[in-house]
C-alpha cells in the first residue's frame, strides 16, 4: 500500500490530466 501511494505521487500529473479529459 505504501508503494502504491508513492507511485500515485509520481504519476499525479498524468492521472489528473487523464481524469480531466474524461470528465470533459
PDBML (XML) file of the C-alpha atoms, coordinates in Angstrom:
<?xml version="1.0" encoding="UTF-8" ?>
<PDBx:datablock datablockName="MODEL"
   xmlns:PDBx="http://pdbml.pdb.org/schema/pdbx-v50.xsd"
   xmlns:xsi="http://www.w3.org/2001/XMLSchema-instance"
   xsi:schemaLocation="http://pdbml.pdb.org/schema/pdbx-v50.xsd pdbx-v50.xsd">
   <PDBx:atom_siteCategory>
      <PDBx:atom_site id="1">
         <PDBx:B_iso_or_equiv>0.00</PDBx:B_iso_or_equiv>
         <PDBx:Cartn_x>0.000</PDBx:Cartn_x>
         <PDBx:Cartn_y>0.000</PDBx:Cartn_y>
         <PDBx:Cartn_z>0.000</PDBx:Cartn_z>
         <PDBx:auth_asym_id>A</PDBx:auth_asym_id>
         <PDBx:auth_atom_id>CA</PDBx:auth_atom_id>
         <PDBx:auth_comp_id>UNK</PDBx:auth_comp_id>
         <PDBx:auth_seq_id>1</PDBx:auth_seq_id>
         <PDBx:group_PDB>ATOM</PDBx:group_PDB>
         <PDBx:label_alt_id xsi:nil="true" />
         <PDBx:label_asym_id>A</PDBx:label_asym_id>
         <PDBx:label_atom_id>CA</PDBx:label_atom_id>
         <PDBx:label_comp_id>UNK</PDBx:label_comp_id>
         <PDBx:label_entity_id>1</PDBx:label_entity_id>
         <PDBx:label_seq_id>1</PDBx:label_seq_id>
         <PDBx:occupancy>1.00</PDBx:occupancy>
         <PDBx:pdbx_PDB_model_num>1</PDBx:pdbx_PDB_model_num>
         <PDBx:type_symbol>C</PDBx:type_symbol>
      </PDBx:atom_site>
      <PDBx:atom_site id="2">
         <PDBx:B_iso_or_equiv>0.00</PDBx:B_iso_or_equiv>
         <PDBx:Cartn_x>2.833</PDBx:Cartn_x>
         <PDBx:Cartn_y>2.424</PDBx:Cartn_y>
         <PDBx:Cartn_z>0.772</PDBx:Cartn_z>
         <PDBx:auth_asym_id>A</PDBx:auth_asym_id>
         <PDBx:auth_atom_id>CA</PDBx:auth_atom_id>
         <PDBx:auth_comp_id>UNK</PDBx:auth_comp_id>
         <PDBx:auth_seq_id>2</PDBx:auth_seq_id>
         <PDBx:group_PDB>ATOM</PDBx:group_PDB>
         <PDBx:label_alt_id xsi:nil="true" />
         <PDBx:label_asym_id>A</PDBx:label_asym_id>
         <PDBx:label_atom_id>CA</PDBx:label_atom_id>
         <PDBx:label_comp_id>UNK</PDBx:label_comp_id>
         <PDBx:label_entity_id>1</PDBx:label_entity_id>
         <PDBx:label_seq_id>2</PDBx:label_seq_id>
         <PDBx:occupancy>1.00</PDBx:occupancy>
         <PDBx:pdbx_PDB_model_num>1</PDBx:pdbx_PDB_model_num>
         <PDBx:type_symbol>C</PDBx:type_symbol>
      </PDBx:atom_site>
      <PDBx:atom_site id="3">
         <PDBx:B_iso_or_equiv>0.00</PDBx:B_iso_or_equiv>
         <PDBx:Cartn_x>4.480</PDBx:Cartn_x>
         <PDBx:Cartn_y>1.527</PDBx:Cartn_y>
         <PDBx:Cartn_z>-2.559</PDBx:Cartn_z>
         <PDBx:auth_asym_id>A</PDBx:auth_asym_id>
         <PDBx:auth_atom_id>CA</PDBx:auth_atom_id>
         <PDBx:auth_comp_id>UNK</PDBx:auth_comp_id>
         <PDBx:auth_seq_id>3</PDBx:auth_seq_id>
         <PDBx:group_PDB>ATOM</PDBx:group_PDB>
         <PDBx:label_alt_id xsi:nil="true" />
         <PDBx:label_asym_id>A</PDBx:label_asym_id>
         <PDBx:label_atom_id>CA</PDBx:label_atom_id>
         <PDBx:label_comp_id>UNK</PDBx:label_comp_id>
         <PDBx:label_entity_id>1</PDBx:label_entity_id>
         <PDBx:label_seq_id>3</PDBx:label_seq_id>
         <PDBx:occupancy>1.00</PDBx:occupancy>
         <PDBx:pdbx_PDB_model_num>1</PDBx:pdbx_PDB_model_num>
         <PDBx:type_symbol>C</PDBx:type_symbol>
      </PDBx:atom_site>
      <PDBx:atom_site id="4">
         <PDBx:B_iso_or_equiv>0.00</PDBx:B_iso_or_equiv>
         <PDBx:Cartn_x>1.196</PDBx:Cartn_x>
         <PDBx:Cartn_y>2.143</PDBx:Cartn_y>
         <PDBx:Cartn_z>-4.380</PDBx:Cartn_z>
         <PDBx:auth_asym_id>A</PDBx:auth_asym_id>
         <PDBx:auth_atom_id>CA</PDBx:auth_atom_id>
         <PDBx:auth_comp_id>UNK</PDBx:auth_comp_id>
         <PDBx:auth_seq_id>4</PDBx:auth_seq_id>
         <PDBx:group_PDB>ATOM</PDBx:group_PDB>
         <PDBx:label_alt_id xsi:nil="true" />
         <PDBx:label_asym_id>A</PDBx:label_asym_id>
         <PDBx:label_atom_id>CA</PDBx:label_atom_id>
         <PDBx:label_comp_id>UNK</PDBx:label_comp_id>
         <PDBx:label_entity_id>1</PDBx:label_entity_id>
         <PDBx:label_seq_id>4</PDBx:label_seq_id>
         <PDBx:occupancy>1.00</PDBx:occupancy>
         <PDBx:pdbx_PDB_model_num>1</PDBx:pdbx_PDB_model_num>
         <PDBx:type_symbol>C</PDBx:type_symbol>
      </PDBx:atom_site>
      <PDBx:atom_site id="5">
         <PDBx:B_iso_or_equiv>0.00</PDBx:B_iso_or_equiv>
         <PDBx:Cartn_x>0.770</PDBx:Cartn_x>
         <PDBx:Cartn_y>5.552</PDBx:Cartn_y>
         <PDBx:Cartn_z>-2.746</PDBx:Cartn_z>
         <PDBx:auth_asym_id>A</PDBx:auth_asym_id>
         <PDBx:auth_atom_id>CA</PDBx:auth_atom_id>
         <PDBx:auth_comp_id>UNK</PDBx:auth_comp_id>
         <PDBx:auth_seq_id>5</PDBx:auth_seq_id>
         <PDBx:group_PDB>ATOM</PDBx:group_PDB>
         <PDBx:label_alt_id xsi:nil="true" />
         <PDBx:label_asym_id>A</PDBx:label_asym_id>
         <PDBx:label_atom_id>CA</PDBx:label_atom_id>
         <PDBx:label_comp_id>UNK</PDBx:label_comp_id>
         <PDBx:label_entity_id>1</PDBx:label_entity_id>
         <PDBx:label_seq_id>5</PDBx:label_seq_id>
         <PDBx:occupancy>1.00</PDBx:occupancy>
         <PDBx:pdbx_PDB_model_num>1</PDBx:pdbx_PDB_model_num>
         <PDBx:type_symbol>C</PDBx:type_symbol>
      </PDBx:atom_site>
      <PDBx:atom_site id="6">
         <PDBx:B_iso_or_equiv>0.00</PDBx:B_iso_or_equiv>
         <PDBx:Cartn_x>4.291</PDBx:Cartn_x>
         <PDBx:Cartn_y>6.606</PDBx:Cartn_y>
         <PDBx:Cartn_z>-3.734</PDBx:Cartn_z>
         <PDBx:auth_asym_id>A</PDBx:auth_asym_id>
         <PDBx:auth_atom_id>CA</PDBx:auth_atom_id>
         <PDBx:auth_comp_id>UNK</PDBx:auth_comp_id>
         <PDBx:auth_seq_id>6</PDBx:auth_seq_id>
         <PDBx:group_PDB>ATOM</PDBx:group_PDB>
         <PDBx:label_alt_id xsi:nil="true" />
         <PDBx:label_asym_id>A</PDBx:label_asym_id>
         <PDBx:label_atom_id>CA</PDBx:label_atom_id>
         <PDBx:label_comp_id>UNK</PDBx:label_comp_id>
         <PDBx:label_entity_id>1</PDBx:label_entity_id>
         <PDBx:label_seq_id>6</PDBx:label_seq_id>
         <PDBx:occupancy>1.00</PDBx:occupancy>
         <PDBx:pdbx_PDB_model_num>1</PDBx:pdbx_PDB_model_num>
         <PDBx:type_symbol>C</PDBx:type_symbol>
      </PDBx:atom_site>
      <PDBx:atom_site id="7">
         <PDBx:B_iso_or_equiv>0.00</PDBx:B_iso_or_equiv>
         <PDBx:Cartn_x>3.592</PDBx:Cartn_x>
         <PDBx:Cartn_y>5.578</PDBx:Cartn_y>
         <PDBx:Cartn_z>-7.340</PDBx:Cartn_z>
         <PDBx:auth_asym_id>A</PDBx:auth_asym_id>
         <PDBx:auth_atom_id>CA</PDBx:auth_atom_id>
         <PDBx:auth_comp_id>UNK</PDBx:auth_comp_id>
         <PDBx:auth_seq_id>7</PDBx:auth_seq_id>
         <PDBx:group_PDB>ATOM</PDBx:group_PDB>
         <PDBx:label_alt_id xsi:nil="true" />
         <PDBx:label_asym_id>A</PDBx:label_asym_id>
         <PDBx:label_atom_id>CA</PDBx:label_atom_id>
         <PDBx:label_comp_id>UNK</PDBx:label_comp_id>
         <PDBx:label_entity_id>1</PDBx:label_entity_id>
         <PDBx:label_seq_id>7</PDBx:label_seq_id>
         <PDBx:occupancy>1.00</PDBx:occupancy>
         <PDBx:pdbx_PDB_model_num>1</PDBx:pdbx_PDB_model_num>
         <PDBx:type_symbol>C</PDBx:type_symbol>
      </PDBx:atom_site>
      <PDBx:atom_site id="8">
         <PDBx:B_iso_or_equiv>0.00</PDBx:B_iso_or_equiv>
         <PDBx:Cartn_x>0.415</PDBx:Cartn_x>
         <PDBx:Cartn_y>7.670</PDBx:Cartn_y>
         <PDBx:Cartn_z>-7.294</PDBx:Cartn_z>
         <PDBx:auth_asym_id>A</PDBx:auth_asym_id>
         <PDBx:auth_atom_id>CA</PDBx:auth_atom_id>
         <PDBx:auth_comp_id>UNK</PDBx:auth_comp_id>
         <PDBx:auth_seq_id>8</PDBx:auth_seq_id>
         <PDBx:group_PDB>ATOM</PDBx:group_PDB>
         <PDBx:label_alt_id xsi:nil="true" />
         <PDBx:label_asym_id>A</PDBx:label_asym_id>
         <PDBx:label_atom_id>CA</PDBx:label_atom_id>
         <PDBx:label_comp_id>UNK</PDBx:label_comp_id>
         <PDBx:label_entity_id>1</PDBx:label_entity_id>
         <PDBx:label_seq_id>8</PDBx:label_seq_id>
         <PDBx:occupancy>1.00</PDBx:occupancy>
         <PDBx:pdbx_PDB_model_num>1</PDBx:pdbx_PDB_model_num>
         <PDBx:type_symbol>C</PDBx:type_symbol>
      </PDBx:atom_site>
      <PDBx:atom_site id="9">
         <PDBx:B_iso_or_equiv>0.00</PDBx:B_iso_or_equiv>
         <PDBx:Cartn_x>2.505</PDBx:Cartn_x>
         <PDBx:Cartn_y>10.677</PDBx:Cartn_y>
         <PDBx:Cartn_z>-6.240</PDBx:Cartn_z>
         <PDBx:auth_asym_id>A</PDBx:auth_asym_id>
         <PDBx:auth_atom_id>CA</PDBx:auth_atom_id>
         <PDBx:auth_comp_id>UNK</PDBx:auth_comp_id>
         <PDBx:auth_seq_id>9</PDBx:auth_seq_id>
         <PDBx:group_PDB>ATOM</PDBx:group_PDB>
         <PDBx:label_alt_id xsi:nil="true" />
         <PDBx:label_asym_id>A</PDBx:label_asym_id>
         <PDBx:label_atom_id>CA</PDBx:label_atom_id>
         <PDBx:label_comp_id>UNK</PDBx:label_comp_id>
         <PDBx:label_entity_id>1</PDBx:label_entity_id>
         <PDBx:label_seq_id>9</PDBx:label_seq_id>
         <PDBx:occupancy>1.00</PDBx:occupancy>
         <PDBx:pdbx_PDB_model_num>1</PDBx:pdbx_PDB_model_num>
         <PDBx:type_symbol>C</PDBx:type_symbol>
      </PDBx:atom_site>
      <PDBx:atom_site id="10">
         <PDBx:B_iso_or_equiv>0.00</PDBx:B_iso_or_equiv>
         <PDBx:Cartn_x>4.943</PDBx:Cartn_x>
         <PDBx:Cartn_y>10.116</PDBx:Cartn_y>
         <PDBx:Cartn_z>-9.097</PDBx:Cartn_z>
         <PDBx:auth_asym_id>A</PDBx:auth_asym_id>
         <PDBx:auth_atom_id>CA</PDBx:auth_atom_id>
         <PDBx:auth_comp_id>UNK</PDBx:auth_comp_id>
         <PDBx:auth_seq_id>10</PDBx:auth_seq_id>
         <PDBx:group_PDB>ATOM</PDBx:group_PDB>
         <PDBx:label_alt_id xsi:nil="true" />
         <PDBx:label_asym_id>A</PDBx:label_asym_id>
         <PDBx:label_atom_id>CA</PDBx:label_atom_id>
         <PDBx:label_comp_id>UNK</PDBx:label_comp_id>
         <PDBx:label_entity_id>1</PDBx:label_entity_id>
         <PDBx:label_seq_id>10</PDBx:label_seq_id>
         <PDBx:occupancy>1.00</PDBx:occupancy>
         <PDBx:pdbx_PDB_model_num>1</PDBx:pdbx_PDB_model_num>
         <PDBx:type_symbol>C</PDBx:type_symbol>
      </PDBx:atom_site>
      <PDBx:atom_site id="11">
         <PDBx:B_iso_or_equiv>0.00</PDBx:B_iso_or_equiv>
         <PDBx:Cartn_x>2.139</PDBx:Cartn_x>
         <PDBx:Cartn_y>9.859</PDBx:Cartn_y>
         <PDBx:Cartn_z>-11.688</PDBx:Cartn_z>
         <PDBx:auth_asym_id>A</PDBx:auth_asym_id>
         <PDBx:auth_atom_id>CA</PDBx:auth_atom_id>
         <PDBx:auth_comp_id>UNK</PDBx:auth_comp_id>
         <PDBx:auth_seq_id>11</PDBx:auth_seq_id>
         <PDBx:group_PDB>ATOM</PDBx:group_PDB>
         <PDBx:label_alt_id xsi:nil="true" />
         <PDBx:label_asym_id>A</PDBx:label_asym_id>
         <PDBx:label_atom_id>CA</PDBx:label_atom_id>
         <PDBx:label_comp_id>UNK</PDBx:label_comp_id>
         <PDBx:label_entity_id>1</PDBx:label_entity_id>
         <PDBx:label_seq_id>11</PDBx:label_seq_id>
         <PDBx:occupancy>1.00</PDBx:occupancy>
         <PDBx:pdbx_PDB_model_num>1</PDBx:pdbx_PDB_model_num>
         <PDBx:type_symbol>C</PDBx:type_symbol>
      </PDBx:atom_site>
      <PDBx:atom_site id="12">
         <PDBx:B_iso_or_equiv>0.00</PDBx:B_iso_or_equiv>
         <PDBx:Cartn_x>-0.113</PDBx:Cartn_x>
         <PDBx:Cartn_y>12.540</PDBx:Cartn_y>
         <PDBx:Cartn_z>-10.198</PDBx:Cartn_z>
         <PDBx:auth_asym_id>A</PDBx:auth_asym_id>
         <PDBx:auth_atom_id>CA</PDBx:auth_atom_id>
         <PDBx:auth_comp_id>UNK</PDBx:auth_comp_id>
         <PDBx:auth_seq_id>12</PDBx:auth_seq_id>
         <PDBx:group_PDB>ATOM</PDBx:group_PDB>
         <PDBx:label_alt_id xsi:nil="true" />
         <PDBx:label_asym_id>A</PDBx:label_asym_id>
         <PDBx:label_atom_id>CA</PDBx:label_atom_id>
         <PDBx:label_comp_id>UNK</PDBx:label_comp_id>
         <PDBx:label_entity_id>1</PDBx:label_entity_id>
         <PDBx:label_seq_id>12</PDBx:label_seq_id>
         <PDBx:occupancy>1.00</PDBx:occupancy>
         <PDBx:pdbx_PDB_model_num>1</PDBx:pdbx_PDB_model_num>
         <PDBx:type_symbol>C</PDBx:type_symbol>
      </PDBx:atom_site>
      <PDBx:atom_site id="13">
         <PDBx:B_iso_or_equiv>0.00</PDBx:B_iso_or_equiv>
         <PDBx:Cartn_x>0.110</PDBx:Cartn_x>
         <PDBx:Cartn_y>14.972</PDBx:Cartn_y>
         <PDBx:Cartn_z>-13.121</PDBx:Cartn_z>
         <PDBx:auth_asym_id>A</PDBx:auth_asym_id>
         <PDBx:auth_atom_id>CA</PDBx:auth_atom_id>
         <PDBx:auth_comp_id>UNK</PDBx:auth_comp_id>
         <PDBx:auth_seq_id>13</PDBx:auth_seq_id>
         <PDBx:group_PDB>ATOM</PDBx:group_PDB>
         <PDBx:label_alt_id xsi:nil="true" />
         <PDBx:label_asym_id>A</PDBx:label_asym_id>
         <PDBx:label_atom_id>CA</PDBx:label_atom_id>
         <PDBx:label_comp_id>UNK</PDBx:label_comp_id>
         <PDBx:label_entity_id>1</PDBx:label_entity_id>
         <PDBx:label_seq_id>13</PDBx:label_seq_id>
         <PDBx:occupancy>1.00</PDBx:occupancy>
         <PDBx:pdbx_PDB_model_num>1</PDBx:pdbx_PDB_model_num>
         <PDBx:type_symbol>C</PDBx:type_symbol>
      </PDBx:atom_site>
      <PDBx:atom_site id="14">
         <PDBx:B_iso_or_equiv>0.00</PDBx:B_iso_or_equiv>
         <PDBx:Cartn_x>-0.628</PDBx:Cartn_x>
         <PDBx:Cartn_y>12.232</PDBx:Cartn_y>
         <PDBx:Cartn_z>-15.673</PDBx:Cartn_z>
         <PDBx:auth_asym_id>A</PDBx:auth_asym_id>
         <PDBx:auth_atom_id>CA</PDBx:auth_atom_id>
         <PDBx:auth_comp_id>UNK</PDBx:auth_comp_id>
         <PDBx:auth_seq_id>14</PDBx:auth_seq_id>
         <PDBx:group_PDB>ATOM</PDBx:group_PDB>
         <PDBx:label_alt_id xsi:nil="true" />
         <PDBx:label_asym_id>A</PDBx:label_asym_id>
         <PDBx:label_atom_id>CA</PDBx:label_atom_id>
         <PDBx:label_comp_id>UNK</PDBx:label_comp_id>
         <PDBx:label_entity_id>1</PDBx:label_entity_id>
         <PDBx:label_seq_id>14</PDBx:label_seq_id>
         <PDBx:occupancy>1.00</PDBx:occupancy>
         <PDBx:pdbx_PDB_model_num>1</PDBx:pdbx_PDB_model_num>
         <PDBx:type_symbol>C</PDBx:type_symbol>
      </PDBx:atom_site>
      <PDBx:atom_site id="15">
         <PDBx:B_iso_or_equiv>0.00</PDBx:B_iso_or_equiv>
         <PDBx:Cartn_x>-3.597</PDBx:Cartn_x>
         <PDBx:Cartn_y>10.897</PDBx:Cartn_y>
         <PDBx:Cartn_z>-13.687</PDBx:Cartn_z>
         <PDBx:auth_asym_id>A</PDBx:auth_asym_id>
         <PDBx:auth_atom_id>CA</PDBx:auth_atom_id>
         <PDBx:auth_comp_id>UNK</PDBx:auth_comp_id>
         <PDBx:auth_seq_id>15</PDBx:auth_seq_id>
         <PDBx:group_PDB>ATOM</PDBx:group_PDB>
         <PDBx:label_alt_id xsi:nil="true" />
         <PDBx:label_asym_id>A</PDBx:label_asym_id>
         <PDBx:label_atom_id>CA</PDBx:label_atom_id>
         <PDBx:label_comp_id>UNK</PDBx:label_comp_id>
         <PDBx:label_entity_id>1</PDBx:label_entity_id>
         <PDBx:label_seq_id>15</PDBx:label_seq_id>
         <PDBx:occupancy>1.00</PDBx:occupancy>
         <PDBx:pdbx_PDB_model_num>1</PDBx:pdbx_PDB_model_num>
         <PDBx:type_symbol>C</PDBx:type_symbol>
      </PDBx:atom_site>
      <PDBx:atom_site id="16">
         <PDBx:B_iso_or_equiv>0.00</PDBx:B_iso_or_equiv>
         <PDBx:Cartn_x>-5.144</PDBx:Cartn_x>
         <PDBx:Cartn_y>14.346</PDBx:Cartn_y>
         <PDBx:Cartn_z>-13.158</PDBx:Cartn_z>
         <PDBx:auth_asym_id>A</PDBx:auth_asym_id>
         <PDBx:auth_atom_id>CA</PDBx:auth_atom_id>
         <PDBx:auth_comp_id>UNK</PDBx:auth_comp_id>
         <PDBx:auth_seq_id>16</PDBx:auth_seq_id>
         <PDBx:group_PDB>ATOM</PDBx:group_PDB>
         <PDBx:label_alt_id xsi:nil="true" />
         <PDBx:label_asym_id>A</PDBx:label_asym_id>
         <PDBx:label_atom_id>CA</PDBx:label_atom_id>
         <PDBx:label_comp_id>UNK</PDBx:label_comp_id>
         <PDBx:label_entity_id>1</PDBx:label_entity_id>
         <PDBx:label_seq_id>16</PDBx:label_seq_id>
         <PDBx:occupancy>1.00</PDBx:occupancy>
         <PDBx:pdbx_PDB_model_num>1</PDBx:pdbx_PDB_model_num>
         <PDBx:type_symbol>C</PDBx:type_symbol>
      </PDBx:atom_site>
      <PDBx:atom_site id="17">
         <PDBx:B_iso_or_equiv>0.00</PDBx:B_iso_or_equiv>
         <PDBx:Cartn_x>-4.834</PDBx:Cartn_x>
         <PDBx:Cartn_y>15.200</PDBx:Cartn_y>
         <PDBx:Cartn_z>-16.859</PDBx:Cartn_z>
         <PDBx:auth_asym_id>A</PDBx:auth_asym_id>
         <PDBx:auth_atom_id>CA</PDBx:auth_atom_id>
         <PDBx:auth_comp_id>UNK</PDBx:auth_comp_id>
         <PDBx:auth_seq_id>17</PDBx:auth_seq_id>
         <PDBx:group_PDB>ATOM</PDBx:group_PDB>
         <PDBx:label_alt_id xsi:nil="true" />
         <PDBx:label_asym_id>A</PDBx:label_asym_id>
         <PDBx:label_atom_id>CA</PDBx:label_atom_id>
         <PDBx:label_comp_id>UNK</PDBx:label_comp_id>
         <PDBx:label_entity_id>1</PDBx:label_entity_id>
         <PDBx:label_seq_id>17</PDBx:label_seq_id>
         <PDBx:occupancy>1.00</PDBx:occupancy>
         <PDBx:pdbx_PDB_model_num>1</PDBx:pdbx_PDB_model_num>
         <PDBx:type_symbol>C</PDBx:type_symbol>
      </PDBx:atom_site>
      <PDBx:atom_site id="18">
         <PDBx:B_iso_or_equiv>0.00</PDBx:B_iso_or_equiv>
         <PDBx:Cartn_x>-6.498</PDBx:Cartn_x>
         <PDBx:Cartn_y>11.933</PDBx:Cartn_y>
         <PDBx:Cartn_z>-17.899</PDBx:Cartn_z>
         <PDBx:auth_asym_id>A</PDBx:auth_asym_id>
         <PDBx:auth_atom_id>CA</PDBx:auth_atom_id>
         <PDBx:auth_comp_id>UNK</PDBx:auth_comp_id>
         <PDBx:auth_seq_id>18</PDBx:auth_seq_id>
         <PDBx:group_PDB>ATOM</PDBx:group_PDB>
         <PDBx:label_alt_id xsi:nil="true" />
         <PDBx:label_asym_id>A</PDBx:label_asym_id>
         <PDBx:label_atom_id>CA</PDBx:label_atom_id>
         <PDBx:label_comp_id>UNK</PDBx:label_comp_id>
         <PDBx:label_entity_id>1</PDBx:label_entity_id>
         <PDBx:label_seq_id>18</PDBx:label_seq_id>
         <PDBx:occupancy>1.00</PDBx:occupancy>
         <PDBx:pdbx_PDB_model_num>1</PDBx:pdbx_PDB_model_num>
         <PDBx:type_symbol>C</PDBx:type_symbol>
      </PDBx:atom_site>
      <PDBx:atom_site id="19">
         <PDBx:B_iso_or_equiv>0.00</PDBx:B_iso_or_equiv>
         <PDBx:Cartn_x>-9.263</PDBx:Cartn_x>
         <PDBx:Cartn_y>12.441</PDBx:Cartn_y>
         <PDBx:Cartn_z>-15.332</PDBx:Cartn_z>
         <PDBx:auth_asym_id>A</PDBx:auth_asym_id>
         <PDBx:auth_atom_id>CA</PDBx:auth_atom_id>
         <PDBx:auth_comp_id>UNK</PDBx:auth_comp_id>
         <PDBx:auth_seq_id>19</PDBx:auth_seq_id>
         <PDBx:group_PDB>ATOM</PDBx:group_PDB>
         <PDBx:label_alt_id xsi:nil="true" />
         <PDBx:label_asym_id>A</PDBx:label_asym_id>
         <PDBx:label_atom_id>CA</PDBx:label_atom_id>
         <PDBx:label_comp_id>UNK</PDBx:label_comp_id>
         <PDBx:label_entity_id>1</PDBx:label_entity_id>
         <PDBx:label_seq_id>19</PDBx:label_seq_id>
         <PDBx:occupancy>1.00</PDBx:occupancy>
         <PDBx:pdbx_PDB_model_num>1</PDBx:pdbx_PDB_model_num>
         <PDBx:type_symbol>C</PDBx:type_symbol>
      </PDBx:atom_site>
      <PDBx:atom_site id="20">
         <PDBx:B_iso_or_equiv>0.00</PDBx:B_iso_or_equiv>
         <PDBx:Cartn_x>-9.972</PDBx:Cartn_x>
         <PDBx:Cartn_y>15.960</PDBx:Cartn_y>
         <PDBx:Cartn_z>-16.583</PDBx:Cartn_z>
         <PDBx:auth_asym_id>A</PDBx:auth_asym_id>
         <PDBx:auth_atom_id>CA</PDBx:auth_atom_id>
         <PDBx:auth_comp_id>UNK</PDBx:auth_comp_id>
         <PDBx:auth_seq_id>20</PDBx:auth_seq_id>
         <PDBx:group_PDB>ATOM</PDBx:group_PDB>
         <PDBx:label_alt_id xsi:nil="true" />
         <PDBx:label_asym_id>A</PDBx:label_asym_id>
         <PDBx:label_atom_id>CA</PDBx:label_atom_id>
         <PDBx:label_comp_id>UNK</PDBx:label_comp_id>
         <PDBx:label_entity_id>1</PDBx:label_entity_id>
         <PDBx:label_seq_id>20</PDBx:label_seq_id>
         <PDBx:occupancy>1.00</PDBx:occupancy>
         <PDBx:pdbx_PDB_model_num>1</PDBx:pdbx_PDB_model_num>
         <PDBx:type_symbol>C</PDBx:type_symbol>
      </PDBx:atom_site>
      <PDBx:atom_site id="21">
         <PDBx:B_iso_or_equiv>0.00</PDBx:B_iso_or_equiv>
         <PDBx:Cartn_x>-10.107</PDBx:Cartn_x>
         <PDBx:Cartn_y>14.786</PDBx:Cartn_y>
         <PDBx:Cartn_z>-20.202</PDBx:Cartn_z>
         <PDBx:auth_asym_id>A</PDBx:auth_asym_id>
         <PDBx:auth_atom_id>CA</PDBx:auth_atom_id>
         <PDBx:auth_comp_id>UNK</PDBx:auth_comp_id>
         <PDBx:auth_seq_id>21</PDBx:auth_seq_id>
         <PDBx:group_PDB>ATOM</PDBx:group_PDB>
         <PDBx:label_alt_id xsi:nil="true" />
         <PDBx:label_asym_id>A</PDBx:label_asym_id>
         <PDBx:label_atom_id>CA</PDBx:label_atom_id>
         <PDBx:label_comp_id>UNK</PDBx:label_comp_id>
         <PDBx:label_entity_id>1</PDBx:label_entity_id>
         <PDBx:label_seq_id>21</PDBx:label_seq_id>
         <PDBx:occupancy>1.00</PDBx:occupancy>
         <PDBx:pdbx_PDB_model_num>1</PDBx:pdbx_PDB_model_num>
         <PDBx:type_symbol>C</PDBx:type_symbol>
      </PDBx:atom_site>
      <PDBx:atom_site id="22">
         <PDBx:B_iso_or_equiv>0.00</PDBx:B_iso_or_equiv>
         <PDBx:Cartn_x>-12.577</PDBx:Cartn_x>
         <PDBx:Cartn_y>12.031</PDBx:Cartn_y>
         <PDBx:Cartn_z>-19.318</PDBx:Cartn_z>
         <PDBx:auth_asym_id>A</PDBx:auth_asym_id>
         <PDBx:auth_atom_id>CA</PDBx:auth_atom_id>
         <PDBx:auth_comp_id>UNK</PDBx:auth_comp_id>
         <PDBx:auth_seq_id>22</PDBx:auth_seq_id>
         <PDBx:group_PDB>ATOM</PDBx:group_PDB>
         <PDBx:label_alt_id xsi:nil="true" />
         <PDBx:label_asym_id>A</PDBx:label_asym_id>
         <PDBx:label_atom_id>CA</PDBx:label_atom_id>
         <PDBx:label_comp_id>UNK</PDBx:label_comp_id>
         <PDBx:label_entity_id>1</PDBx:label_entity_id>
         <PDBx:label_seq_id>22</PDBx:label_seq_id>
         <PDBx:occupancy>1.00</PDBx:occupancy>
         <PDBx:pdbx_PDB_model_num>1</PDBx:pdbx_PDB_model_num>
         <PDBx:type_symbol>C</PDBx:type_symbol>
      </PDBx:atom_site>
      <PDBx:atom_site id="23">
         <PDBx:B_iso_or_equiv>0.00</PDBx:B_iso_or_equiv>
         <PDBx:Cartn_x>-14.631</PDBx:Cartn_x>
         <PDBx:Cartn_y>14.417</PDBx:Cartn_y>
         <PDBx:Cartn_z>-17.173</PDBx:Cartn_z>
         <PDBx:auth_asym_id>A</PDBx:auth_asym_id>
         <PDBx:auth_atom_id>CA</PDBx:auth_atom_id>
         <PDBx:auth_comp_id>UNK</PDBx:auth_comp_id>
         <PDBx:auth_seq_id>23</PDBx:auth_seq_id>
         <PDBx:group_PDB>ATOM</PDBx:group_PDB>
         <PDBx:label_alt_id xsi:nil="true" />
         <PDBx:label_asym_id>A</PDBx:label_asym_id>
         <PDBx:label_atom_id>CA</PDBx:label_atom_id>
         <PDBx:label_comp_id>UNK</PDBx:label_comp_id>
         <PDBx:label_entity_id>1</PDBx:label_entity_id>
         <PDBx:label_seq_id>23</PDBx:label_seq_id>
         <PDBx:occupancy>1.00</PDBx:occupancy>
         <PDBx:pdbx_PDB_model_num>1</PDBx:pdbx_PDB_model_num>
         <PDBx:type_symbol>C</PDBx:type_symbol>
      </PDBx:atom_site>
      <PDBx:atom_site id="24">
         <PDBx:B_iso_or_equiv>0.00</PDBx:B_iso_or_equiv>
         <PDBx:Cartn_x>-14.964</PDBx:Cartn_x>
         <PDBx:Cartn_y>16.871</PDBx:Cartn_y>
         <PDBx:Cartn_z>-20.050</PDBx:Cartn_z>
         <PDBx:auth_asym_id>A</PDBx:auth_asym_id>
         <PDBx:auth_atom_id>CA</PDBx:auth_atom_id>
         <PDBx:auth_comp_id>UNK</PDBx:auth_comp_id>
         <PDBx:auth_seq_id>24</PDBx:auth_seq_id>
         <PDBx:group_PDB>ATOM</PDBx:group_PDB>
         <PDBx:label_alt_id xsi:nil="true" />
         <PDBx:label_asym_id>A</PDBx:label_asym_id>
         <PDBx:label_atom_id>CA</PDBx:label_atom_id>
         <PDBx:label_comp_id>UNK</PDBx:label_comp_id>
         <PDBx:label_entity_id>1</PDBx:label_entity_id>
         <PDBx:label_seq_id>24</PDBx:label_seq_id>
         <PDBx:occupancy>1.00</PDBx:occupancy>
         <PDBx:pdbx_PDB_model_num>1</PDBx:pdbx_PDB_model_num>
         <PDBx:type_symbol>C</PDBx:type_symbol>
      </PDBx:atom_site>
   </PDBx:atom_siteCategory>
</PDBx:datablock>
